[in-house]
Amino acid sequence: YCYKIMHQIREDLSKEDFLASIESQIKNGYKLAYVLDHGQVICVAGFTISEKLSWGKHIYIDDFITDKSLKSTDAGKALLDFIKIYAEQQGCVSIHLDSSVERIDAHKFYLSQDLKIESHHFSINLK
């Protein structure tokens, strides 16, 4: 159900590769949550619960996508509110995510939901 929305920012993944990856990640604790509107997924989040010395027990949101054609809905807020409640129920002390630098609209949304920019994320591709 979530592939159509996920594909909007994960364009390089075929449906088969997406499903295989999600199935593998779920075995390692990845969870999917989504918002339905008239039977259609309009917003989806993929996340894990983890623990680190720097963050304590937390939720890390790997993927957070609202259907590009429906940006003016409150689906993103509703889904993030759900994740906040779920995190508290699970004993998490924080929620974290990374967002690609070009996703300006996403940044505006995250900031409007009281998320803060607290660090830079550095990476290197090995393949």
C-alpha atoms as a PDB file:
ATOM      1  CA  TYR A   1       0.000   0.000   0.000  1.00  0.00           C
ATOM      2  CA  CYS A   2       2.842   2.397   0.797  1.00  0.00           C
ATOM      3  CA  TYR A   3       4.993   1.969  -2.328  1.00  0.00           C
ATOM      4  CA  LYS A   4       3.233   4.628  -4.409  1.00  0.00           C
ATOM      5  CA  ILE A   5       3.899   7.319  -1.787  1.00  0.00           C
ATOM      6  CA  MET A   6       7.377   6.057  -0.830  1.00  0.00           C
ATOM      7  CA  HIS A   7       8.359   6.013  -4.493  1.00  0.00           C
ATOM      8  CA  GLN A   8       7.880   9.793  -4.623  1.00  0.00           C
ATOM      9  CA  ILE A   9      11.205  10.221  -2.795  1.00  0.00           C
ATOM     10  CA  ARG A  10      12.740   6.779  -3.387  1.00  0.00           C
ATOM     11  CA  GLU A  11      12.453   6.889  -7.170  1.00  0.00           C
ATOM     12  CA  ASP A  12      15.386   4.512  -7.685  1.00  0.00           C
ATOM     13  CA  LEU A  13      13.563   1.579  -6.066  1.00  0.00           C
ATOM     14  CA  SER A  14      11.395  -0.763  -8.074  1.00  0.00           C
ATOM     15  CA  LYS A  15       8.307  -2.099  -6.331  1.00  0.00           C
ATOM     16  CA  GLU A  16       9.961  -5.517  -5.967  1.00  0.00           C
ATOM     17  CA  ASP A  17      13.158  -4.055  -4.469  1.00  0.00           C
ATOM     18  CA  PHE A  18      11.105  -1.841  -2.168  1.00  0.00           C
ATOM     19  CA  LEU A  19       9.054  -4.772  -0.866  1.00  0.00           C
ATOM     20  CA  ALA A  20      12.163  -6.933  -0.371  1.00  0.00           C
ATOM     21  CA  SER A  21      13.944  -4.137   1.486  1.00  0.00           C
ATOM     22  CA  ILE A  22      10.949  -3.377   3.708  1.00  0.00           C
ATOM     23  CA  GLU A  23      10.504  -7.075   4.514  1.00  0.00           C
ATOM     24  CA  SER A  24      14.175  -7.334   5.501  1.00  0.00           C
ATOM     25  CA  GLN A  25      14.071  -4.146   7.582  1.00  0.00           C
ATOM     26  CA  ILE A  26      10.899  -5.234   9.419  1.00  0.00           C
ATOM     27  CA  LYS A  27      12.795  -8.307  10.623  1.00  0.00           C
ATOM     28  CA  ASN A  28      15.226  -5.843  12.255  1.00  0.00           C
ATOM     29  CA  GLY A  29      12.572  -3.712  13.966  1.00  0.00           C
ATOM     30  CA  TYR A  30      11.546  -1.282  11.202  1.00  0.00           C
ATOM     31  CA  LYS A  31       7.922  -0.218  11.469  1.00  0.00           C
ATOM     32  CA  LEU A  32       5.588   1.424   8.971  1.00  0.00           C
ATOM     33  CA  ALA A  33       2.774   3.764   9.934  1.00  0.00           C
ATOM     34  CA  TYR A  34       0.507   5.511   7.474  1.00  0.00           C
ATOM     35  CA  VAL A  35      -2.545   7.684   7.050  1.00  0.00           C
ATOM     36  CA  LEU A  36      -5.438   6.514   4.882  1.00  0.00           C
ATOM     37  CA  ASP A  37      -7.916   8.791   3.138  1.00  0.00           C
ATOM     38  CA  HIS A  38     -10.791   7.073   1.360  1.00  0.00           C
ATOM     39  CA  GLY A  39      -8.785   3.842   1.253  1.00  0.00           C
ATOM     40  CA  GLN A  40      -5.657   5.470  -0.186  1.00  0.00           C
ATOM     41  CA  VAL A  41      -2.352   5.895   1.642  1.00  0.00           C
ATOM     42  CA  ILE A  42      -1.604   9.625   1.657  1.00  0.00           C
ATOM     43  CA  CYS A  43       1.210   9.798   4.196  1.00  0.00           C
ATOM     44  CA  VAL A  44       3.709   7.181   5.361  1.00  0.00           C
ATOM     45  CA  ALA A  45       6.520   6.962   7.887  1.00  0.00           C
ATOM     46  CA  GLY A  46       9.093   4.249   8.387  1.00  0.00           C
ATOM     47  CA  PHE A  47      10.947   4.211  11.689  1.00  0.00           C
ATOM     48  CA  THR A  48      12.884   2.180  14.214  1.00  0.00           C
ATOM     49  CA  ILE A  49      13.276   2.235  17.972  1.00  0.00           C
ATOM     50  CA  SER A  50      16.878   2.210  19.060  1.00  0.00           C
ATOM     51  CA  GLU A  51      19.185   3.252  21.861  1.00  0.00           C
ATOM     52  CA  LYS A  52      22.408   5.238  21.662  1.00  0.00           C
ATOM     53  CA  LEU A  53      24.689   6.780  24.251  1.00  0.00           C
ATOM     54  CA  SER A  54      24.091  10.212  22.730  1.00  0.00           C
ATOM     55  CA  TRP A  55      20.280  10.035  22.419  1.00  0.00           C
ATOM     56  CA  GLY A  56      19.125   7.372  24.864  1.00  0.00           C
ATOM     57  CA  LYS A  57      16.112   5.312  23.763  1.00  0.00           C
ATOM     58  CA  HIS A  58      14.617   7.025  20.726  1.00  0.00           C
ATOM     59  CA  ILE A  59      12.661   6.676  17.534  1.00  0.00           C
ATOM     60  CA  TYR A  60      14.584   7.328  14.361  1.00  0.00           C
ATOM     61  CA  ILE A  61      12.382   8.173  11.385  1.00  0.00           C
ATOM     62  CA  ASP A  62      14.020   6.819   8.243  1.00  0.00           C
ATOM     63  CA  ASP A  63      11.252   7.821   5.856  1.00  0.00           C
ATOM     64  CA  PHE A  64       8.492  10.405   6.143  1.00  0.00           C
ATOM     65  CA  ILE A  65       6.503  11.197   3.015  1.00  0.00           C
ATOM     66  CA  THR A  66       3.205  12.927   2.330  1.00  0.00           C
ATOM     67  CA  ASP A  67       1.673  12.550  -1.132  1.00  0.00           C
ATOM     68  CA  LYS A  68       3.033  15.491  -3.146  1.00  0.00           C
ATOM     69  CA  SER A  69      -0.420  16.243  -4.514  1.00  0.00           C
ATOM     70  CA  LEU A  70      -1.875  16.616  -0.997  1.00  0.00           C
ATOM     71  CA  LYS A  71       0.616  18.809   0.869  1.00  0.00           C
ATOM     72  CA  SER A  72      -2.115  21.051   2.271  1.00  0.00           C
ATOM     73  CA  THR A  73      -3.717  18.264   4.339  1.00  0.00           C
ATOM     74  CA  ASP A  74      -3.023  17.640   8.012  1.00  0.00           C
ATOM     75  CA  ALA A  75      -1.956  14.049   7.336  1.00  0.00           C
ATOM     76  CA  GLY A  76       1.710  14.730   8.082  1.00  0.00           C
ATOM     77  CA  LYS A  77       0.876  16.395  11.381  1.00  0.00           C
ATOM     78  CA  ALA A  78      -1.463  13.557  12.345  1.00  0.00           C
ATOM     79  CA  LEU A  79       1.173  10.942  11.553  1.00  0.00           C
ATOM     80  CA  LEU A  80       3.919  12.784  13.428  1.00  0.00           C
ATOM     81  CA  ASP A  81       1.562  13.235  16.402  1.00  0.00           C
ATOM     82  CA  PHE A  82       0.935   9.475  16.358  1.00  0.00           C
ATOM     83  CA  ILE A  83       4.680   8.779  16.317  1.00  0.00           C
ATOM     84  CA  LYS A  84       5.203  11.146  19.278  1.00  0.00           C
ATOM     85  CA  ILE A  85       2.531   9.308  21.304  1.00  0.00           C
ATOM     86  CA  TYR A  86       3.920   5.904  20.271  1.00  0.00           C
ATOM     87  CA  ALA A  87       7.432   6.995  21.236  1.00  0.00           C
ATOM     88  CA  GLU A  88       6.277   8.030  24.703  1.00  0.00           C
ATOM     89  CA  GLN A  89       4.383   4.742  25.135  1.00  0.00           C
ATOM     90  CA  GLN A  90       7.575   2.857  24.248  1.00  0.00           C
ATOM     91  CA  GLY A  91       9.651   4.798  26.786  1.00  0.00           C
ATOM     92  CA  CYS A  92      11.561   6.788  24.198  1.00  0.00           C
ATOM     93  CA  VAL A  93      13.052  10.117  25.229  1.00  0.00           C
ATOM     94  CA  SER A  94      13.371  11.639  21.746  1.00  0.00           C
ATOM     95  CA  ILE A  95      12.592  11.392  18.049  1.00  0.00           C
ATOM     96  CA  HIS A  96      15.212  11.971  15.344  1.00  0.00           C
ATOM     97  CA  LEU A  97      15.327  12.143  11.566  1.00  0.00           C
ATOM     98  CA  ASP A  98      17.575  13.335   8.783  1.00  0.00           C
ATOM     99  CA  SER A  99      16.246  15.247   5.806  1.00  0.00           C
ATOM    100  CA  SER A 100      18.026  15.842   2.511  1.00  0.00           C
ATOM    101  CA  VAL A 101      19.166  19.436   2.182  1.00  0.00           C
ATOM    102  CA  GLU A 102      17.044  20.081  -0.906  1.00  0.00           C
ATOM    103  CA  ARG A 103      13.743  19.159   0.808  1.00  0.00           C
ATOM    104  CA  ILE A 104      12.942  22.734   1.864  1.00  0.00           C
ATOM    105  CA  ASP A 105       9.185  22.157   2.219  1.00  0.00           C
ATOM    106  CA  ALA A 106       9.837  19.171   4.481  1.00  0.00           C
ATOM    107  CA  HIS A 107      12.155  21.296   6.637  1.00  0.00           C
ATOM    108  CA  LYS A 108       9.477  23.959   7.020  1.00  0.00           C
ATOM    109  CA  PHE A 109       7.020  21.274   8.118  1.00  0.00           C
ATOM    110  CA  TYR A 110       9.432  19.711  10.636  1.00  0.00           C
ATOM    111  CA  LEU A 111      10.253  23.108  12.126  1.00  0.00           C
ATOM    112  CA  SER A 112       6.527  23.928  12.396  1.00  0.00           C
ATOM    113  CA  GLN A 113       6.110  20.693  14.392  1.00  0.00           C
ATOM    114  CA  ASP A 114       8.739  21.762  16.962  1.00  0.00           C
ATOM    115  CA  LEU A 115      11.568  19.629  15.592  1.00  0.00           C
ATOM    116  CA  LYS A 116      14.904  21.425  15.805  1.00  0.00           C
ATOM    117  CA  ILE A 117      17.983  21.394  13.619  1.00  0.00           C
ATOM    118  CA  GLU A 118      20.602  20.098  16.046  1.00  0.00           C
ATOM    119  CA  SER A 119      23.399  18.708  13.912  1.00  0.00           C
ATOM    120  CA  HIS A 120      24.898  18.170  10.494  1.00  0.00           C
ATOM    121  CA  HIS A 121      24.863  14.637   9.132  1.00  0.00           C
ATOM    122  CA  PHE A 122      27.976  13.526   7.254  1.00  0.00           C
ATOM    123  CA  SER A 123      28.271  10.472   5.052  1.00  0.00           C
ATOM    124  CA  ILE A 124      30.426   8.801   2.428  1.00  0.00           C
ATOM    125  CA  ASN A 125      29.201   6.411  -0.241  1.00  0.00           C
ATOM    126  CA  LEU A 126      31.341   3.290  -0.427  1.00  0.00           C
ATOM    127  CA  LYS A 127      29.839   1.900  -3.631  1.00  0.00           C
END
